[in-house]
Amino acid sequence: MSTDRVRAHASGADDTAAAQQRLTVRVRREQALDSGAWVWTGLPEGCPGSAGGRTVAELFAEVEALKHFMMGEDPATDIAVDYLYEVADVPVQVLIDYQHGRATRDRAAEDLRRANDELTVKARATVRALRAAGLSVRDGAALMGLSKSRFDQLSA
């Protein structure tokens, strides 16, 4: 049974401020020796300590609580956590492809939000210009391809 590794950013962001500290935690699922229960274990690279939980969410919470201690940093220090997942019988490419697709989707969603914001500004200016030119709500909405209620919303 081989173990593949996948690297993921906890925050979902690639890079933030240059002064930000980074902690890499190796995560694997293993059977606890005392209880036999399956748990997630996180071992920080180059730092003392460990974290664990019955679920990945519990592990993340514990790493979040311990990351400053693990790195010997002040609690005010900004520390981003990178996780290296070692998941038995899961090809590394499966998680990498998903993470790549999700990042692509997130960038597209941000581009769409930005485009919508820009379009709303232009739409409001267009509505003002059409109304100033004396067009009715019905005619202005028709020219812009909007409903009358949306045209009214933009004129407010």
N, C-alpha and C. Protein backbone atom coordinates (compact mmCIF):
# COMPACT_ATOMS: atom_id res chain seq x y z
N MET A 1 0.85 -1.17 0.00
CA MET A 1 0.00 0.00 0.00
C MET A 1 0.90 1.23 0.00
N SER A 2 0.87 2.01 -1.10
CA SER A 2 1.73 3.19 -1.18
C SER A 2 1.01 4.42 -0.65
N THR A 3 1.79 5.38 -0.22
CA THR A 3 1.23 6.61 0.29
C THR A 3 1.65 7.75 -0.62
N ASP A 4 0.68 8.52 -1.08
CA ASP A 4 0.97 9.67 -1.92
C ASP A 4 0.85 10.93 -1.09
N ARG A 5 1.53 11.98 -1.52
CA ARG A 5 1.52 13.23 -0.77
C ARG A 5 0.90 14.33 -1.61
N VAL A 6 0.14 15.17 -0.95
CA VAL A 6 -0.48 16.31 -1.61
C VAL A 6 -0.26 17.52 -0.74
N ARG A 7 0.13 18.62 -1.33
CA ARG A 7 0.35 19.85 -0.60
C ARG A 7 -0.85 20.76 -0.81
N ALA A 8 -1.37 21.32 0.26
CA ALA A 8 -2.51 22.24 0.17
C ALA A 8 -2.32 23.37 1.15
N HIS A 9 -2.83 24.54 0.79
CA HIS A 9 -2.79 25.70 1.68
C HIS A 9 -4.08 25.71 2.49
N ALA A 10 -3.95 25.86 3.78
CA ALA A 10 -5.12 25.87 4.66
C ALA A 10 -6.03 27.03 4.35
N SER A 11 -5.46 28.17 4.01
CA SER A 11 -6.27 29.35 3.79
C SER A 11 -6.89 29.39 2.41
N GLY A 12 -6.38 28.58 1.48
CA GLY A 12 -6.87 28.63 0.12
C GLY A 12 -6.15 29.66 -0.71
N ALA A 13 -5.36 30.49 -0.09
CA ALA A 13 -4.61 31.50 -0.80
C ALA A 13 -3.20 30.98 -1.06
N ASP A 14 -2.61 31.43 -2.15
CA ASP A 14 -1.27 30.97 -2.49
C ASP A 14 -0.20 31.69 -1.69
N ASP A 15 -0.14 33.02 -1.77
CA ASP A 15 0.86 33.77 -1.04
C ASP A 15 0.23 35.03 -0.48
N THR A 16 0.65 35.38 0.70
CA THR A 16 0.17 36.61 1.31
C THR A 16 1.38 37.48 1.58
N ALA A 17 1.38 38.19 2.67
CA ALA A 17 2.48 39.09 2.98
C ALA A 17 3.79 38.33 3.11
N ALA A 18 4.87 38.97 2.67
CA ALA A 18 6.18 38.34 2.71
C ALA A 18 6.63 38.09 4.15
N ALA A 19 6.19 38.90 5.10
CA ALA A 19 6.59 38.76 6.50
C ALA A 19 5.87 37.62 7.20
N GLN A 20 4.89 37.06 6.57
CA GLN A 20 4.10 36.00 7.18
C GLN A 20 4.96 34.74 7.38
N GLN A 21 4.80 34.11 8.55
CA GLN A 21 5.49 32.86 8.84
C GLN A 21 4.69 31.71 8.22
N ARG A 22 5.37 30.63 7.85
CA ARG A 22 4.71 29.47 7.29
C ARG A 22 5.10 28.23 8.08
N LEU A 23 4.11 27.41 8.34
CA LEU A 23 4.31 26.14 9.03
C LEU A 23 3.80 25.03 8.12
N THR A 24 4.64 24.04 7.88
CA THR A 24 4.23 22.89 7.08
C THR A 24 3.95 21.72 8.01
N VAL A 25 2.78 21.13 7.84
CA VAL A 25 2.36 20.01 8.69
C VAL A 25 2.07 18.80 7.80
N ARG A 26 2.74 17.69 8.11
CA ARG A 26 2.47 16.42 7.41
C ARG A 26 1.28 15.76 8.08
N VAL A 27 0.29 15.41 7.27
CA VAL A 27 -0.95 14.83 7.80
C VAL A 27 -1.13 13.42 7.25
N ARG A 28 -1.43 12.51 8.16
CA ARG A 28 -1.73 11.14 7.73
C ARG A 28 -2.82 10.57 8.62
N ARG A 29 -3.52 9.63 8.09
CA ARG A 29 -4.57 8.92 8.84
C ARG A 29 -3.96 7.61 9.33
N GLU A 30 -4.10 7.38 10.62
CA GLU A 30 -3.52 6.16 11.19
C GLU A 30 -4.38 5.65 12.33
N GLN A 31 -4.15 4.43 12.69
CA GLN A 31 -4.91 3.80 13.76
C GLN A 31 -4.20 4.04 15.09
N ALA A 32 -4.93 4.58 16.05
CA ALA A 32 -4.36 4.85 17.38
C ALA A 32 -3.99 3.54 18.06
N LEU A 33 -2.82 3.52 18.67
CA LEU A 33 -2.34 2.29 19.32
C LEU A 33 -3.17 1.94 20.55
N ASP A 34 -3.62 2.93 21.29
CA ASP A 34 -4.34 2.64 22.53
C ASP A 34 -5.79 2.22 22.32
N SER A 35 -6.49 2.92 21.41
CA SER A 35 -7.92 2.63 21.25
C SER A 35 -8.26 1.88 19.96
N GLY A 36 -7.34 1.90 19.01
CA GLY A 36 -7.62 1.27 17.72
C GLY A 36 -8.47 2.13 16.80
N ALA A 37 -8.87 3.30 17.27
CA ALA A 37 -9.69 4.22 16.45
C ALA A 37 -8.81 4.86 15.38
N TRP A 38 -9.42 5.17 14.24
CA TRP A 38 -8.71 5.87 13.18
C TRP A 38 -8.70 7.35 13.49
N VAL A 39 -7.51 7.95 13.44
CA VAL A 39 -7.34 9.37 13.75
C VAL A 39 -6.46 10.02 12.68
N TRP A 40 -6.52 11.33 12.64
CA TRP A 40 -5.67 12.11 11.76
C TRP A 40 -4.55 12.70 12.62
N THR A 41 -3.32 12.53 12.18
CA THR A 41 -2.16 13.02 12.92
C THR A 41 -1.43 14.04 12.06
N GLY A 42 -1.03 15.13 12.69
CA GLY A 42 -0.27 16.16 12.00
C GLY A 42 1.06 16.39 12.68
N LEU A 43 2.14 16.26 11.91
CA LEU A 43 3.49 16.46 12.44
C LEU A 43 4.11 17.66 11.74
N PRO A 44 4.45 18.71 12.50
CA PRO A 44 5.05 19.89 11.87
C PRO A 44 6.48 19.60 11.43
N GLU A 45 6.84 20.10 10.25
CA GLU A 45 8.19 19.89 9.74
C GLU A 45 9.13 20.90 10.38
N GLY A 46 10.21 20.42 10.98
CA GLY A 46 11.23 21.28 11.55
C GLY A 46 10.83 21.93 12.86
N CYS A 47 9.74 21.51 13.44
CA CYS A 47 9.27 22.08 14.70
C CYS A 47 8.85 20.95 15.63
N PRO A 48 8.91 21.20 16.94
CA PRO A 48 8.46 20.17 17.89
C PRO A 48 6.94 20.11 17.96
N GLY A 49 6.44 19.02 18.46
CA GLY A 49 5.02 18.87 18.72
C GLY A 49 4.30 18.05 17.68
N SER A 50 3.03 17.88 17.93
CA SER A 50 2.15 17.17 17.01
C SER A 50 0.73 17.60 17.32
N ALA A 51 -0.16 17.26 16.41
CA ALA A 51 -1.58 17.57 16.60
C ALA A 51 -2.37 16.38 16.08
N GLY A 52 -3.61 16.27 16.52
CA GLY A 52 -4.41 15.16 16.05
C GLY A 52 -5.89 15.39 16.27
N GLY A 53 -6.66 14.55 15.64
CA GLY A 53 -8.09 14.61 15.79
C GLY A 53 -8.76 13.45 15.10
N ARG A 54 -10.00 13.17 15.47
CA ARG A 54 -10.75 12.09 14.83
C ARG A 54 -11.18 12.49 13.42
N THR A 55 -11.30 13.79 13.19
CA THR A 55 -11.65 14.29 11.86
C THR A 55 -10.59 15.29 11.41
N VAL A 56 -10.56 15.58 10.13
CA VAL A 56 -9.62 16.57 9.60
C VAL A 56 -9.93 17.93 10.21
N ALA A 57 -11.21 18.26 10.38
CA ALA A 57 -11.58 19.54 10.97
C ALA A 57 -11.03 19.65 12.40
N GLU A 58 -11.10 18.58 13.17
CA GLU A 58 -10.54 18.60 14.52
C GLU A 58 -9.03 18.80 14.47
N LEU A 59 -8.37 18.15 13.52
CA LEU A 59 -6.93 18.31 13.36
C LEU A 59 -6.61 19.77 13.04
N PHE A 60 -7.33 20.36 12.08
CA PHE A 60 -7.10 21.76 11.71
C PHE A 60 -7.25 22.67 12.93
N ALA A 61 -8.27 22.44 13.74
CA ALA A 61 -8.50 23.26 14.93
C ALA A 61 -7.34 23.13 15.91
N GLU A 62 -6.84 21.92 16.07
CA GLU A 62 -5.73 21.72 17.00
C GLU A 62 -4.45 22.37 16.48
N VAL A 63 -4.20 22.23 15.18
CA VAL A 63 -3.02 22.89 14.60
C VAL A 63 -3.13 24.40 14.79
N GLU A 64 -4.32 24.94 14.54
CA GLU A 64 -4.54 26.37 14.71
C GLU A 64 -4.23 26.80 16.14
N ALA A 65 -4.64 26.00 17.11
CA ALA A 65 -4.43 26.32 18.52
C ALA A 65 -2.95 26.19 18.93
N LEU A 66 -2.21 25.31 18.26
CA LEU A 66 -0.84 25.01 18.66
C LEU A 66 0.25 25.61 17.78
N LYS A 67 -0.10 26.20 16.65
CA LYS A 67 0.91 26.60 15.67
C LYS A 67 1.93 27.60 16.22
N HIS A 68 1.52 28.53 17.06
CA HIS A 68 2.47 29.49 17.62
C HIS A 68 3.44 28.80 18.58
N PHE A 69 2.92 27.87 19.37
CA PHE A 69 3.77 27.09 20.27
C PHE A 69 4.77 26.26 19.47
N MET A 70 4.28 25.57 18.41
CA MET A 70 5.15 24.72 17.60
C MET A 70 6.31 25.50 17.01
N MET A 71 6.03 26.73 16.57
CA MET A 71 7.07 27.54 15.92
C MET A 71 7.82 28.43 16.90
N GLY A 72 7.37 28.47 18.16
CA GLY A 72 8.03 29.32 19.13
C GLY A 72 7.84 30.80 18.82
N GLU A 73 6.67 31.15 18.30
CA GLU A 73 6.37 32.53 17.90
C GLU A 73 5.36 33.17 18.85
N ASP A 74 5.38 34.48 18.87
CA ASP A 74 4.42 35.26 19.64
C ASP A 74 3.02 35.03 19.07
N PRO A 75 1.99 34.97 19.91
CA PRO A 75 0.62 34.75 19.41
C PRO A 75 0.13 35.79 18.40
N ALA A 76 0.76 36.98 18.38
CA ALA A 76 0.37 38.01 17.41
C ALA A 76 0.95 37.77 16.03
N THR A 77 1.90 36.86 15.92
CA THR A 77 2.55 36.58 14.63
C THR A 77 1.57 35.89 13.69
N ASP A 78 1.55 36.34 12.44
CA ASP A 78 0.69 35.73 11.42
C ASP A 78 1.37 34.48 10.89
N ILE A 79 0.75 33.33 11.09
CA ILE A 79 1.32 32.06 10.64
C ILE A 79 0.33 31.36 9.72
N ALA A 80 0.75 31.12 8.49
CA ALA A 80 -0.05 30.36 7.54
C ALA A 80 0.38 28.90 7.62
N VAL A 81 -0.56 27.99 7.48
CA VAL A 81 -0.25 26.57 7.58
C VAL A 81 -0.44 25.90 6.22
N ASP A 82 0.59 25.19 5.80
CA ASP A 82 0.53 24.35 4.60
C ASP A 82 0.44 22.92 5.08
N TYR A 83 -0.47 22.16 4.48
CA TYR A 83 -0.63 20.76 4.85
C TYR A 83 -0.11 19.87 3.74
N LEU A 84 0.67 18.87 4.11
CA LEU A 84 1.12 17.82 3.20
C LEU A 84 0.34 16.57 3.57
N TYR A 85 -0.58 16.17 2.70
CA TYR A 85 -1.44 15.03 2.99
C TYR A 85 -0.79 13.76 2.47
N GLU A 86 -0.75 12.76 3.32
CA GLU A 86 -0.28 11.43 2.96
C GLU A 86 -1.47 10.50 3.13
N VAL A 87 -2.15 10.23 2.02
CA VAL A 87 -3.38 9.43 2.06
C VAL A 87 -3.14 8.12 1.32
N ALA A 88 -3.18 7.03 2.05
CA ALA A 88 -2.94 5.72 1.46
C ALA A 88 -3.98 5.40 0.40
N ASP A 89 -3.55 4.81 -0.68
CA ASP A 89 -4.41 4.34 -1.77
C ASP A 89 -5.15 5.44 -2.51
N VAL A 90 -4.73 6.69 -2.35
CA VAL A 90 -5.32 7.79 -3.12
C VAL A 90 -4.20 8.38 -3.96
N PRO A 91 -4.30 8.25 -5.28
CA PRO A 91 -3.25 8.81 -6.14
C PRO A 91 -3.13 10.32 -5.92
N VAL A 92 -1.90 10.79 -5.87
CA VAL A 92 -1.63 12.19 -5.60
C VAL A 92 -2.34 13.09 -6.62
N GLN A 93 -2.44 12.64 -7.87
CA GLN A 93 -3.02 13.47 -8.92
C GLN A 93 -4.50 13.76 -8.69
N VAL A 94 -5.20 12.88 -8.00
CA VAL A 94 -6.63 13.08 -7.73
C VAL A 94 -6.85 14.37 -6.94
N LEU A 95 -6.13 14.53 -5.84
CA LEU A 95 -6.28 15.73 -5.01
C LEU A 95 -5.69 16.96 -5.69
N ILE A 96 -4.58 16.79 -6.39
CA ILE A 96 -3.97 17.92 -7.09
C ILE A 96 -4.91 18.45 -8.16
N ASP A 97 -5.53 17.56 -8.94
CA ASP A 97 -6.47 17.99 -9.98
C ASP A 97 -7.65 18.73 -9.37
N TYR A 98 -8.17 18.22 -8.27
CA TYR A 98 -9.28 18.89 -7.60
C TYR A 98 -8.86 20.27 -7.12
N GLN A 99 -7.72 20.35 -6.44
CA GLN A 99 -7.26 21.63 -5.91
C GLN A 99 -7.01 22.64 -7.03
N HIS A 100 -6.47 22.17 -8.14
CA HIS A 100 -6.25 23.04 -9.30
C HIS A 100 -7.59 23.54 -9.85
N GLY A 101 -8.54 22.64 -9.99
CA GLY A 101 -9.87 23.03 -10.48
C GLY A 101 -10.56 24.01 -9.55
N ARG A 102 -10.43 23.79 -8.27
CA ARG A 102 -11.04 24.70 -7.30
C ARG A 102 -10.40 26.08 -7.36
N ALA A 103 -9.07 26.12 -7.46
CA ALA A 103 -8.37 27.41 -7.57
C ALA A 103 -8.78 28.14 -8.84
N THR A 104 -8.93 27.41 -9.93
CA THR A 104 -9.37 28.02 -11.20
C THR A 104 -10.78 28.58 -11.04
N ARG A 105 -11.66 27.81 -10.42
CA ARG A 105 -13.03 28.28 -10.17
C ARG A 105 -13.05 29.53 -9.29
N ASP A 106 -12.24 29.53 -8.24
CA ASP A 106 -12.20 30.67 -7.32
C ASP A 106 -11.71 31.93 -8.03
N ARG A 107 -10.70 31.79 -8.89
CA ARG A 107 -10.23 32.96 -9.67
C ARG A 107 -11.31 33.45 -10.61
N ALA A 108 -12.01 32.53 -11.26
CA ALA A 108 -13.09 32.91 -12.18
C ALA A 108 -14.23 33.60 -11.41
N ALA A 109 -14.55 33.11 -10.24
CA ALA A 109 -15.61 33.72 -9.43
C ALA A 109 -15.22 35.14 -9.02
N GLU A 110 -13.96 35.33 -8.65
CA GLU A 110 -13.49 36.68 -8.29
C GLU A 110 -13.54 37.61 -9.50
N ASP A 111 -13.14 37.10 -10.67
CA ASP A 111 -13.22 37.91 -11.90
C ASP A 111 -14.67 38.28 -12.20
N LEU A 112 -15.59 37.34 -12.01
CA LEU A 112 -17.01 37.61 -12.24
C LEU A 112 -17.54 38.66 -11.27
N ARG A 113 -17.17 38.55 -9.99
CA ARG A 113 -17.60 39.56 -9.00
C ARG A 113 -17.10 40.94 -9.40
N ARG A 114 -15.85 41.02 -9.80
CA ARG A 114 -15.26 42.30 -10.21
C ARG A 114 -15.98 42.84 -11.45
N ALA A 115 -16.25 41.98 -12.43
CA ALA A 115 -16.95 42.41 -13.64
C ALA A 115 -18.36 42.88 -13.32
N ASN A 116 -19.04 42.18 -12.42
CA ASN A 116 -20.40 42.60 -12.02
C ASN A 116 -20.37 43.95 -11.33
N ASP A 117 -19.39 44.18 -10.48
CA ASP A 117 -19.27 45.48 -9.81
C ASP A 117 -19.05 46.60 -10.83
N GLU A 118 -18.15 46.35 -11.79
CA GLU A 118 -17.87 47.35 -12.83
C GLU A 118 -19.11 47.59 -13.69
N LEU A 119 -19.83 46.53 -14.03
CA LEU A 119 -21.02 46.67 -14.86
C LEU A 119 -22.12 47.43 -14.13
N THR A 120 -22.24 47.21 -12.83
CA THR A 120 -23.25 47.93 -12.06
C THR A 120 -22.97 49.43 -12.08
N VAL A 121 -21.72 49.81 -11.95
CA VAL A 121 -21.35 51.23 -12.01
C VAL A 121 -21.72 51.80 -13.38
N LYS A 122 -21.40 51.07 -14.44
CA LYS A 122 -21.72 51.53 -15.80
C LYS A 122 -23.23 51.57 -16.03
N ALA A 123 -23.94 50.58 -15.49
CA ALA A 123 -25.40 50.54 -15.65
C ALA A 123 -26.04 51.73 -14.97
N ARG A 124 -25.59 52.06 -13.77
CA ARG A 124 -26.14 53.23 -13.06
C ARG A 124 -25.90 54.51 -13.86
N ALA A 125 -24.72 54.66 -14.41
CA ALA A 125 -24.41 55.84 -15.22
C ALA A 125 -25.29 55.87 -16.47
N THR A 126 -25.51 54.72 -17.06
CA THR A 126 -26.35 54.65 -18.27
C THR A 126 -27.80 55.00 -17.93
N VAL A 127 -28.30 54.47 -16.83
CA VAL A 127 -29.67 54.77 -16.40
C VAL A 127 -29.81 56.27 -16.17
N ARG A 128 -28.84 56.88 -15.47
CA ARG A 128 -28.90 58.33 -15.23
C ARG A 128 -28.93 59.10 -16.53
N ALA A 129 -28.10 58.69 -17.48
CA ALA A 129 -28.05 59.39 -18.77
C ALA A 129 -29.36 59.24 -19.53
N LEU A 130 -29.94 58.05 -19.53
CA LEU A 130 -31.20 57.83 -20.23
C LEU A 130 -32.34 58.61 -19.58
N ARG A 131 -32.37 58.61 -18.27
CA ARG A 131 -33.42 59.35 -17.55
C ARG A 131 -33.26 60.86 -17.79
N ALA A 132 -31.99 61.34 -17.78
CA ALA A 132 -31.73 62.76 -18.02
C ALA A 132 -32.13 63.17 -19.43
N ALA A 133 -32.07 62.20 -20.35
CA ALA A 133 -32.47 62.46 -21.74
C ALA A 133 -33.99 62.41 -21.91
N GLY A 134 -34.70 62.11 -20.82
CA GLY A 134 -36.16 62.12 -20.85
C GLY A 134 -36.81 60.81 -21.20
N LEU A 135 -36.08 59.73 -21.24
CA LEU A 135 -36.69 58.44 -21.57
C LEU A 135 -37.49 57.92 -20.39
N SER A 136 -38.56 57.22 -20.70
CA SER A 136 -39.37 56.60 -19.65
C SER A 136 -38.66 55.36 -19.12
N VAL A 137 -39.13 54.88 -17.98
CA VAL A 137 -38.58 53.66 -17.40
C VAL A 137 -38.74 52.52 -18.39
N ARG A 138 -39.91 52.43 -19.01
CA ARG A 138 -40.18 51.34 -19.96
C ARG A 138 -39.20 51.38 -21.13
N ASP A 139 -38.99 52.57 -21.72
CA ASP A 139 -38.09 52.67 -22.87
C ASP A 139 -36.63 52.48 -22.47
N GLY A 140 -36.24 53.07 -21.34
CA GLY A 140 -34.86 52.90 -20.88
C GLY A 140 -34.54 51.45 -20.59
N ALA A 141 -35.48 50.77 -19.94
CA ALA A 141 -35.28 49.35 -19.63
C ALA A 141 -35.16 48.53 -20.91
N ALA A 142 -35.99 48.85 -21.89
CA ALA A 142 -35.94 48.12 -23.17
C ALA A 142 -34.60 48.34 -23.86
N LEU A 143 -34.11 49.60 -23.87
CA LEU A 143 -32.82 49.89 -24.51
C LEU A 143 -31.67 49.14 -23.85
N MET A 144 -31.76 48.97 -22.54
CA MET A 144 -30.68 48.29 -21.81
C MET A 144 -30.89 46.79 -21.69
N GLY A 145 -32.04 46.29 -22.11
CA GLY A 145 -32.30 44.86 -22.01
C GLY A 145 -32.56 44.43 -20.58
N LEU A 146 -33.18 45.33 -19.80
CA LEU A 146 -33.47 45.07 -18.40
C LEU A 146 -34.96 45.06 -18.16
N SER A 147 -35.36 44.51 -17.03
CA SER A 147 -36.76 44.64 -16.62
C SER A 147 -36.96 46.06 -16.10
N LYS A 148 -38.21 46.48 -16.05
CA LYS A 148 -38.51 47.82 -15.53
C LYS A 148 -38.10 47.92 -14.07
N SER A 149 -38.31 46.86 -13.30
CA SER A 149 -37.96 46.90 -11.88
C SER A 149 -36.44 47.01 -11.70
N ARG A 150 -35.67 46.32 -12.52
CA ARG A 150 -34.19 46.43 -12.40
C ARG A 150 -33.73 47.82 -12.80
N PHE A 151 -34.34 48.38 -13.83
CA PHE A 151 -34.03 49.75 -14.25
C PHE A 151 -34.30 50.71 -13.10
N ASP A 152 -35.44 50.53 -12.43
CA ASP A 152 -35.78 51.37 -11.28
C ASP A 152 -34.75 51.20 -10.16
N GLN A 153 -34.34 49.96 -9.89
CA GLN A 153 -33.34 49.72 -8.84
C GLN A 153 -32.03 50.47 -9.13
N LEU A 154 -31.64 50.44 -10.39
CA LEU A 154 -30.39 51.09 -10.77
C LEU A 154 -30.48 52.61 -10.73
N SER A 155 -31.68 53.14 -10.83
CA SER A 155 -31.83 54.59 -10.80
C SER A 155 -31.88 55.13 -9.37
N ALA A 156 -31.99 54.25 -8.39
CA ALA A 156 -32.05 54.69 -6.99
C ALA A 156 -30.68 55.05 -6.44
